[in-house]
Amino acid sequence: MPTPATNLPPLGEVLRNARKAAGLTQAELADLLGVHQSMVSRVEVCGHLSADLYARIMTACGVPSSEWGDSLAIAADVAA
């Protein structure tokens, strides 16, 4: 469901879709990031993360920064 203020999908959904498109499980992505699988799960459910972590996840999933759109700015706002 899009977020009301932005009409964009929630960050957690964006990240989950990127991970799945990359063919990664939560555990595999967690290994790439050097974090626990539970953190990946929490980020996908809650969508609360820093802009830095957002960039690391999208990079690990092979999504070029040119395709991140407004989601990076939303991550920065959420983390603030």
PDB file of N, CA and C in Angstrom:
ATOM      1  N   MET A   1       0.846  -1.173   0.000  1.00  0.00           N
ATOM      2  CA  MET A   1       0.000   0.000   0.000  1.00  0.00           C
ATOM      3  C   MET A   1       0.898   1.244   0.000  1.00  0.00           C
ATOM      4  N   PRO A   2       0.648   2.205  -0.868  1.00  0.00           N
ATOM      5  CA  PRO A   2       1.474   3.416  -0.920  1.00  0.00           C
ATOM      6  C   PRO A   2       1.372   4.223   0.363  1.00  0.00           C
ATOM      7  N   THR A   3       2.454   4.909   0.695  1.00  0.00           N
ATOM      8  CA  THR A   3       2.411   5.801   1.845  1.00  0.00           C
ATOM      9  C   THR A   3       1.578   7.009   1.466  1.00  0.00           C
ATOM     10  N   PRO A   4       0.702   7.489   2.352  1.00  0.00           N
ATOM     11  CA  PRO A   4      -0.230   8.564   1.998  1.00  0.00           C
ATOM     12  C   PRO A   4       0.450   9.842   1.540  1.00  0.00           C
ATOM     13  N   ALA A   5       1.524  10.246   2.198  1.00  0.00           N
ATOM     14  CA  ALA A   5       2.133  11.536   1.878  1.00  0.00           C
ATOM     15  C   ALA A   5       2.888  11.523   0.566  1.00  0.00           C
ATOM     16  N   THR A   6       3.370  10.373   0.156  1.00  0.00           N
ATOM     17  CA  THR A   6       4.248  10.347  -1.011  1.00  0.00           C
ATOM     18  C   THR A   6       3.691   9.573  -2.187  1.00  0.00           C
ATOM     19  N   ASN A   7       2.714   8.733  -1.935  1.00  0.00           N
ATOM     20  CA  ASN A   7       2.140   7.874  -2.968  1.00  0.00           C
ATOM     21  C   ASN A   7       3.162   6.856  -3.484  1.00  0.00           C
ATOM     22  N   LEU A   8       4.215   6.614  -2.702  1.00  0.00           N
ATOM     23  CA  LEU A   8       5.214   5.607  -3.017  1.00  0.00           C
ATOM     24  C   LEU A   8       4.967   4.391  -2.137  1.00  0.00           C
ATOM     25  N   PRO A   9       5.389   3.216  -2.600  1.00  0.00           N
ATOM     26  CA  PRO A   9       5.243   2.044  -1.724  1.00  0.00           C
ATOM     27  C   PRO A   9       6.110   2.219  -0.483  1.00  0.00           C
ATOM     28  N   PRO A  10       5.721   1.593   0.626  1.00  0.00           N
ATOM     29  CA  PRO A  10       6.524   1.681   1.850  1.00  0.00           C
ATOM     30  C   PRO A  10       7.946   1.183   1.603  1.00  0.00           C
ATOM     31  N   LEU A  11       8.898   1.737   2.337  1.00  0.00           N
ATOM     32  CA  LEU A  11      10.300   1.374   2.157  1.00  0.00           C
ATOM     33  C   LEU A  11      10.529  -0.121   2.320  1.00  0.00           C
ATOM     34  N   GLY A  12       9.892  -0.715   3.314  1.00  0.00           N
ATOM     35  CA  GLY A  12      10.074  -2.153   3.527  1.00  0.00           C
ATOM     36  C   GLY A  12       9.687  -2.959   2.302  1.00  0.00           C
ATOM     37  N   GLU A  13       8.621  -2.549   1.656  1.00  0.00           N
ATOM     38  CA  GLU A  13       8.170  -3.237   0.440  1.00  0.00           C
ATOM     39  C   GLU A  13       9.170  -3.044  -0.697  1.00  0.00           C
ATOM     40  N   VAL A  14       9.694  -1.847  -0.828  1.00  0.00           N
ATOM     41  CA  VAL A  14      10.702  -1.562  -1.859  1.00  0.00           C
ATOM     42  C   VAL A  14      11.920  -2.457  -1.653  1.00  0.00           C
ATOM     43  N   LEU A  15      12.369  -2.553  -0.413  1.00  0.00           N
ATOM     44  CA  LEU A  15      13.552  -3.349  -0.102  1.00  0.00           C
ATOM     45  C   LEU A  15      13.297  -4.840  -0.295  1.00  0.00           C
ATOM     46  N   ARG A  16      12.147  -5.311   0.136  1.00  0.00           N
ATOM     47  CA  ARG A  16      11.795  -6.727  -0.046  1.00  0.00           C
ATOM     48  C   ARG A  16      11.742  -7.073  -1.532  1.00  0.00           C
ATOM     49  N   ASN A  17      11.136  -6.208  -2.324  1.00  0.00           N
ATOM     50  CA  ASN A  17      11.057  -6.462  -3.769  1.00  0.00           C
ATOM     51  C   ASN A  17      12.441  -6.491  -4.407  1.00  0.00           C
ATOM     52  N   ALA A  18      13.320  -5.590  -3.966  1.00  0.00           N
ATOM     53  CA  ALA A  18      14.690  -5.558  -4.499  1.00  0.00           C
ATOM     54  C   ALA A  18      15.429  -6.840  -4.130  1.00  0.00           C
ATOM     55  N   ARG A  19      15.276  -7.282  -2.886  1.00  0.00           N
ATOM     56  CA  ARG A  19      15.938  -8.504  -2.436  1.00  0.00           C
ATOM     57  C   ARG A  19      15.447  -9.709  -3.226  1.00  0.00           C
ATOM     58  N   LYS A  20      14.134  -9.806  -3.374  1.00  0.00           N
ATOM     59  CA  LYS A  20      13.562 -10.948  -4.103  1.00  0.00           C
ATOM     60  C   LYS A  20      13.969 -10.915  -5.577  1.00  0.00           C
ATOM     61  N   ALA A  21      14.000  -9.731  -6.171  1.00  0.00           N
ATOM     62  CA  ALA A  21      14.405  -9.607  -7.573  1.00  0.00           C
ATOM     63  C   ALA A  21      15.861 -10.027  -7.754  1.00  0.00           C
ATOM     64  N   ALA A  22      16.663  -9.837  -6.708  1.00  0.00           N
ATOM     65  CA  ALA A  22      18.070 -10.241  -6.762  1.00  0.00           C
ATOM     66  C   ALA A  22      18.229 -11.740  -6.488  1.00  0.00           C
ATOM     67  N   GLY A  23      17.131 -12.402  -6.139  1.00  0.00           N
ATOM     68  CA  GLY A  23      17.178 -13.833  -5.860  1.00  0.00           C
ATOM     69  C   GLY A  23      17.843 -14.163  -4.535  1.00  0.00           C
ATOM     70  N   LEU A  24      17.763 -13.225  -3.588  1.00  0.00           N
ATOM     71  CA  LEU A  24      18.397 -13.412  -2.291  1.00  0.00           C
ATOM     72  C   LEU A  24      17.370 -13.715  -1.215  1.00  0.00           C
ATOM     73  N   THR A  25      17.738 -14.584  -0.290  1.00  0.00           N
ATOM     74  CA  THR A  25      16.934 -14.772   0.912  1.00  0.00           C
ATOM     75  C   THR A  25      17.323 -13.683   1.901  1.00  0.00           C
ATOM     76  N   GLN A  26      16.538 -13.536   2.953  1.00  0.00           N
ATOM     77  CA  GLN A  26      16.908 -12.578   3.992  1.00  0.00           C
ATOM     78  C   GLN A  26      18.261 -12.944   4.600  1.00  0.00           C
ATOM     79  N   ALA A  27      18.497 -14.228   4.810  1.00  0.00           N
ATOM     80  CA  ALA A  27      19.767 -14.673   5.399  1.00  0.00           C
ATOM     81  C   ALA A  27      20.943 -14.364   4.479  1.00  0.00           C
ATOM     82  N   GLU A  28      20.770 -14.570   3.185  1.00  0.00           N
ATOM     83  CA  GLU A  28      21.849 -14.280   2.231  1.00  0.00           C
ATOM     84  C   GLU A  28      22.160 -12.785   2.191  1.00  0.00           C
ATOM     85  N   LEU A  29      21.117 -11.966   2.190  1.00  0.00           N
ATOM     86  CA  LEU A  29      21.334 -10.520   2.191  1.00  0.00           C
ATOM     87  C   LEU A  29      22.009 -10.100   3.490  1.00  0.00           C
ATOM     88  N   ALA A  30      21.566 -10.655   4.588  1.00  0.00           N
ATOM     89  CA  ALA A  30      22.181 -10.338   5.879  1.00  0.00           C
ATOM     90  C   ALA A  30      23.669 -10.667   5.864  1.00  0.00           C
ATOM     91  N   ASP A  31      24.028 -11.811   5.300  1.00  0.00           N
ATOM     92  CA  ASP A  31      25.444 -12.189   5.201  1.00  0.00           C
ATOM     93  C   ASP A  31      26.225 -11.171   4.378  1.00  0.00           C
ATOM     94  N   LEU A  32      25.650 -10.732   3.268  1.00  0.00           N
ATOM     95  CA  LEU A  32      26.320  -9.736   2.427  1.00  0.00           C
ATOM     96  C   LEU A  32      26.530  -8.418   3.168  1.00  0.00           C
ATOM     97  N   LEU A  33      25.586  -8.080   4.031  1.00  0.00           N
ATOM     98  CA  LEU A  33      25.638  -6.809   4.753  1.00  0.00           C
ATOM     99  C   LEU A  33      26.406  -6.905   6.065  1.00  0.00           C
ATOM    100  N   GLY A  34      26.640  -8.134   6.522  1.00  0.00           N
ATOM    101  CA  GLY A  34      27.308  -8.312   7.805  1.00  0.00           C
ATOM    102  C   GLY A  34      26.403  -8.027   8.992  1.00  0.00           C
ATOM    103  N   VAL A  35      25.109  -8.319   8.828  1.00  0.00           N
ATOM    104  CA  VAL A  35      24.139  -8.125   9.906  1.00  0.00           C
ATOM    105  C   VAL A  35      23.377  -9.431  10.117  1.00  0.00           C
ATOM    106  N   HIS A  36      22.537  -9.467  11.145  1.00  0.00           N
ATOM    107  CA  HIS A  36      21.719 -10.640  11.395  1.00  0.00           C
ATOM    108  C   HIS A  36      20.488 -10.631  10.493  1.00  0.00           C
ATOM    109  N   GLN A  37      20.010 -11.813  10.185  1.00  0.00           N
ATOM    110  CA  GLN A  37      18.811 -11.965   9.364  1.00  0.00           C
ATOM    111  C   GLN A  37      17.631 -11.225   9.990  1.00  0.00           C
ATOM    112  N   SER A  38      17.574 -11.213  11.310  1.00  0.00           N
ATOM    113  CA  SER A  38      16.457 -10.548  11.990  1.00  0.00           C
ATOM    114  C   SER A  38      16.428  -9.049  11.682  1.00  0.00           C
ATOM    115  N   MET A  39      17.585  -8.452  11.450  1.00  0.00           N
ATOM    116  CA  MET A  39      17.620  -7.031  11.097  1.00  0.00           C
ATOM    117  C   MET A  39      17.018  -6.807   9.713  1.00  0.00           C
ATOM    118  N   VAL A  40      17.344  -7.689   8.769  1.00  0.00           N
ATOM    119  CA  VAL A  40      16.765  -7.580   7.426  1.00  0.00           C
ATOM    120  C   VAL A  40      15.249  -7.721   7.520  1.00  0.00           C
ATOM    121  N   SER A  41      14.790  -8.684   8.300  1.00  0.00           N
ATOM    122  CA  SER A  41      13.353  -8.880   8.474  1.00  0.00           C
ATOM    123  C   SER A  41      12.700  -7.643   9.065  1.00  0.00           C
ATOM    124  N   ARG A  42      13.299  -7.089  10.111  1.00  0.00           N
ATOM    125  CA  ARG A  42      12.744  -5.906  10.780  1.00  0.00           C
ATOM    126  C   ARG A  42      12.659  -4.721   9.820  1.00  0.00           C
ATOM    127  N   VAL A  43      13.697  -4.534   9.017  1.00  0.00           N
ATOM    128  CA  VAL A  43      13.705  -3.423   8.055  1.00  0.00           C
ATOM    129  C   VAL A  43      12.588  -3.618   7.023  1.00  0.00           C
ATOM    130  N   GLU A  44      12.406  -4.852   6.562  1.00  0.00           N
ATOM    131  CA  GLU A  44      11.362  -5.104   5.568  1.00  0.00           C
ATOM    132  C   GLU A  44       9.962  -4.914   6.148  1.00  0.00           C
ATOM    133  N   VAL A  45       9.789  -5.228   7.419  1.00  0.00           N
ATOM    134  CA  VAL A  45       8.470  -5.090   8.048  1.00  0.00           C
ATOM    135  C   VAL A  45       8.197  -3.647   8.443  1.00  0.00           C
ATOM    136  N   CYS A  46       9.180  -3.009   9.080  1.00  0.00           N
ATOM    137  CA  CYS A  46       8.973  -1.663   9.626  1.00  0.00           C
ATOM    138  C   CYS A  46       9.337  -0.543   8.663  1.00  0.00           C
ATOM    139  N   GLY A  47      10.335  -0.789   7.815  1.00  0.00           N
ATOM    140  CA  GLY A  47      10.780   0.249   6.890  1.00  0.00           C
ATOM    141  C   GLY A  47      11.584   1.354   7.546  1.00  0.00           C
ATOM    142  N   HIS A  48      12.017   1.148   8.802  1.00  0.00           N
ATOM    143  CA  HIS A  48      12.811   2.149   9.503  1.00  0.00           C
ATOM    144  C   HIS A  48      14.286   1.811   9.356  1.00  0.00           C
ATOM    145  N   LEU A  49      15.024   2.676   8.677  1.00  0.00           N
ATOM    146  CA  LEU A  49      16.440   2.462   8.464  1.00  0.00           C
ATOM    147  C   LEU A  49      17.101   3.760   8.057  1.00  0.00           C
ATOM    148  N   SER A  50      18.412   3.783   8.194  1.00  0.00           N
ATOM    149  CA  SER A  50      19.168   4.971   7.791  1.00  0.00           C
ATOM    150  C   SER A  50      19.321   4.997   6.273  1.00  0.00           C
ATOM    151  N   ALA A  51      19.629   6.165   5.766  1.00  0.00           N
ATOM    152  CA  ALA A  51      19.884   6.285   4.332  1.00  0.00           C
ATOM    153  C   ALA A  51      21.093   5.440   3.940  1.00  0.00           C
ATOM    154  N   ASP A  52      22.084   5.356   4.849  1.00  0.00           N
ATOM    155  CA  ASP A  52      23.273   4.548   4.578  1.00  0.00           C
ATOM    156  C   ASP A  52      22.907   3.066   4.435  1.00  0.00           C
ATOM    157  N   LEU A  53      22.104   2.551   5.359  1.00  0.00           N
ATOM    158  CA  LEU A  53      21.701   1.144   5.274  1.00  0.00           C
ATOM    159  C   LEU A  53      20.855   0.901   4.035  1.00  0.00           C
ATOM    160  N   TYR A  54      19.980   1.842   3.707  1.00  0.00           N
ATOM    161  CA  TYR A  54      19.177   1.721   2.484  1.00  0.00           C
ATOM    162  C   TYR A  54      20.095   1.576   1.273  1.00  0.00           C
ATOM    163  N   ALA A  55      21.103   2.433   1.194  1.00  0.00           N
ATOM    164  CA  ALA A  55      22.034   2.393   0.062  1.00  0.00           C
ATOM    165  C   ALA A  55      22.801   1.071   0.035  1.00  0.00           C
ATOM    166  N   ARG A  56      23.213   0.587   1.198  1.00  0.00           N
ATOM    167  CA  ARG A  56      23.940  -0.686   1.267  1.00  0.00           C
ATOM    168  C   ARG A  56      23.065  -1.846   0.797  1.00  0.00           C
ATOM    169  N   ILE A  57      21.804  -1.843   1.206  1.00  0.00           N
ATOM    170  CA  ILE A  57      20.893  -2.923   0.804  1.00  0.00           C
ATOM    171  C   ILE A  57      20.653  -2.889  -0.693  1.00  0.00           C
ATOM    172  N   MET A  58      20.338  -1.711  -1.217  1.00  0.00           N
ATOM    173  CA  MET A  58      20.053  -1.610  -2.647  1.00  0.00           C
ATOM    174  C   MET A  58      21.279  -1.971  -3.481  1.00  0.00           C
ATOM    175  N   THR A  59      22.459  -1.579  -3.021  1.00  0.00           N
ATOM    176  CA  THR A  59      23.696  -1.931  -3.718  1.00  0.00           C
ATOM    177  C   THR A  59      23.918  -3.438  -3.677  1.00  0.00           C
ATOM    178  N   ALA A  60      23.722  -4.044  -2.513  1.00  0.00           N
ATOM    179  CA  ALA A  60      23.893  -5.496  -2.378  1.00  0.00           C
ATOM    180  C   ALA A  60      22.916  -6.254  -3.264  1.00  0.00           C
ATOM    181  N   CYS A  61      21.756  -5.661  -3.512  1.00  0.00           N
ATOM    182  CA  CYS A  61      20.743  -6.294  -4.369  1.00  0.00           C
ATOM    183  C   CYS A  61      20.979  -5.991  -5.850  1.00  0.00           C
ATOM    184  N   GLY A  62      22.002  -5.211  -6.134  1.00  0.00           N
ATOM    185  CA  GLY A  62      22.345  -4.914  -7.519  1.00  0.00           C
ATOM    186  C   GLY A  62      21.476  -3.868  -8.180  1.00  0.00           C
ATOM    187  N   VAL A  63      20.800  -3.052  -7.369  1.00  0.00           N
ATOM    188  CA  VAL A  63      19.943  -2.001  -7.925  1.00  0.00           C
ATOM    189  C   VAL A  63      20.789  -0.748  -8.113  1.00  0.00           C
ATOM    190  N   PRO A  64      20.935  -0.264  -9.358  1.00  0.00           N
ATOM    191  CA  PRO A  64      21.735   0.944  -9.596  1.00  0.00           C
ATOM    192  C   PRO A  64      21.121   2.157  -8.895  1.00  0.00           C
ATOM    193  N   SER A  65      21.961   3.039  -8.404  1.00  0.00           N
ATOM    194  CA  SER A  65      21.469   4.215  -7.679  1.00  0.00           C
ATOM    195  C   SER A  65      20.531   5.061  -8.536  1.00  0.00           C
ATOM    196  N   SER A  66      20.670   4.987  -9.829  1.00  0.00           N
ATOM    197  CA  SER A  66      19.776   5.747 -10.712  1.00  0.00           C
ATOM    198  C   SER A  66      18.334   5.258 -10.636  1.00  0.00           C
ATOM    199  N   GLU A  67      18.130   4.068 -10.064  1.00  0.00           N
ATOM    200  CA  GLU A  67      16.784   3.499  -9.947  1.00  0.00           C
ATOM    201  C   GLU A  67      16.210   3.605  -8.538  1.00  0.00           C
ATOM    202  N   TRP A  68      16.936   4.231  -7.628  1.00  0.00           N
ATOM    203  CA  TRP A  68      16.455   4.319  -6.257  1.00  0.00           C
ATOM    204  C   TRP A  68      15.322   5.314  -6.108  1.00  0.00           C
ATOM    205  N   GLY A  69      15.243   6.281  -6.983  1.00  0.00           N
ATOM    206  CA  GLY A  69      14.164   7.258  -6.944  1.00  0.00           C
ATOM    207  C   GLY A  69      14.115   8.035  -5.647  1.00  0.00           C
ATOM    208  N   ASP A  70      12.901   8.316  -5.186  1.00  0.00           N
ATOM    209  CA  ASP A  70      12.696   9.121  -3.985  1.00  0.00           C
ATOM    210  C   ASP A  70      12.840   8.313  -2.703  1.00  0.00           C
ATOM    211  N   SER A  71      13.005   7.012  -2.818  1.00  0.00           N
ATOM    212  CA  SER A  71      13.059   6.168  -1.625  1.00  0.00           C
ATOM    213  C   SER A  71      14.238   6.505  -0.727  1.00  0.00           C
ATOM    214  N   LEU A  72      15.363   6.895  -1.287  1.00  0.00           N
ATOM    215  CA  LEU A  72      16.525   7.239  -0.467  1.00  0.00           C
ATOM    216  C   LEU A  72      16.212   8.459   0.399  1.00  0.00           C
ATOM    217  N   ALA A  73      15.543   9.439  -0.154  1.00  0.00           N
ATOM    218  CA  ALA A  73      15.168  10.631   0.623  1.00  0.00           C
ATOM    219  C   ALA A  73      14.177  10.260   1.717  1.00  0.00           C
ATOM    220  N   ILE A  74      13.287   9.334   1.423  1.00  0.00           N
ATOM    221  CA  ILE A  74      12.326   8.897   2.442  1.00  0.00           C
ATOM    222  C   ILE A  74      13.061   8.173   3.559  1.00  0.00           C
ATOM    223  N   ALA A  75      14.046   7.344   3.217  1.00  0.00           N
ATOM    224  CA  ALA A  75      14.834   6.653   4.233  1.00  0.00           C
ATOM    225  C   ALA A  75      15.518   7.661   5.143  1.00  0.00           C
ATOM    226  N   ALA A  76      16.045   8.717   4.567  1.00  0.00           N
ATOM    227  CA  ALA A  76      16.717   9.742   5.359  1.00  0.00           C
ATOM    228  C   ALA A  76      15.719  10.441   6.284  1.00  0.00           C
ATOM    229  N   ASP A  77      14.509  10.705   5.796  1.00  0.00           N
ATOM    230  CA  ASP A  77      13.487  11.344   6.611  1.00  0.00           C
ATOM    231  C   ASP A  77      13.027  10.446   7.740  1.00  0.00           C
ATOM    232  N   VAL A  78      12.862   9.169   7.442  1.00  0.00           N
ATOM    233  CA  VAL A  78      12.401   8.205   8.442  1.00  0.00           C
ATOM    234  C   VAL A  78      13.426   8.068   9.557  1.00  0.00           C
ATOM    235  N   ALA A  79      14.697   8.062   9.181  1.00  0.00           N
ATOM    236  CA  ALA A  79      15.763   7.884  10.163  1.00  0.00           C
ATOM    237  C   ALA A  79      15.952   9.123  11.035  1.00  0.00           C
ATOM    238  N   ALA A  80      15.528  10.273  10.546  1.00  0.00           N
ATOM    239  CA  ALA A  80      15.749  11.533  11.285  1.00  0.00           C
ATOM    240  C   ALA A  80      14.831  11.665  12.485  1.00  0.00           C
TER     241      ALA A  80
END
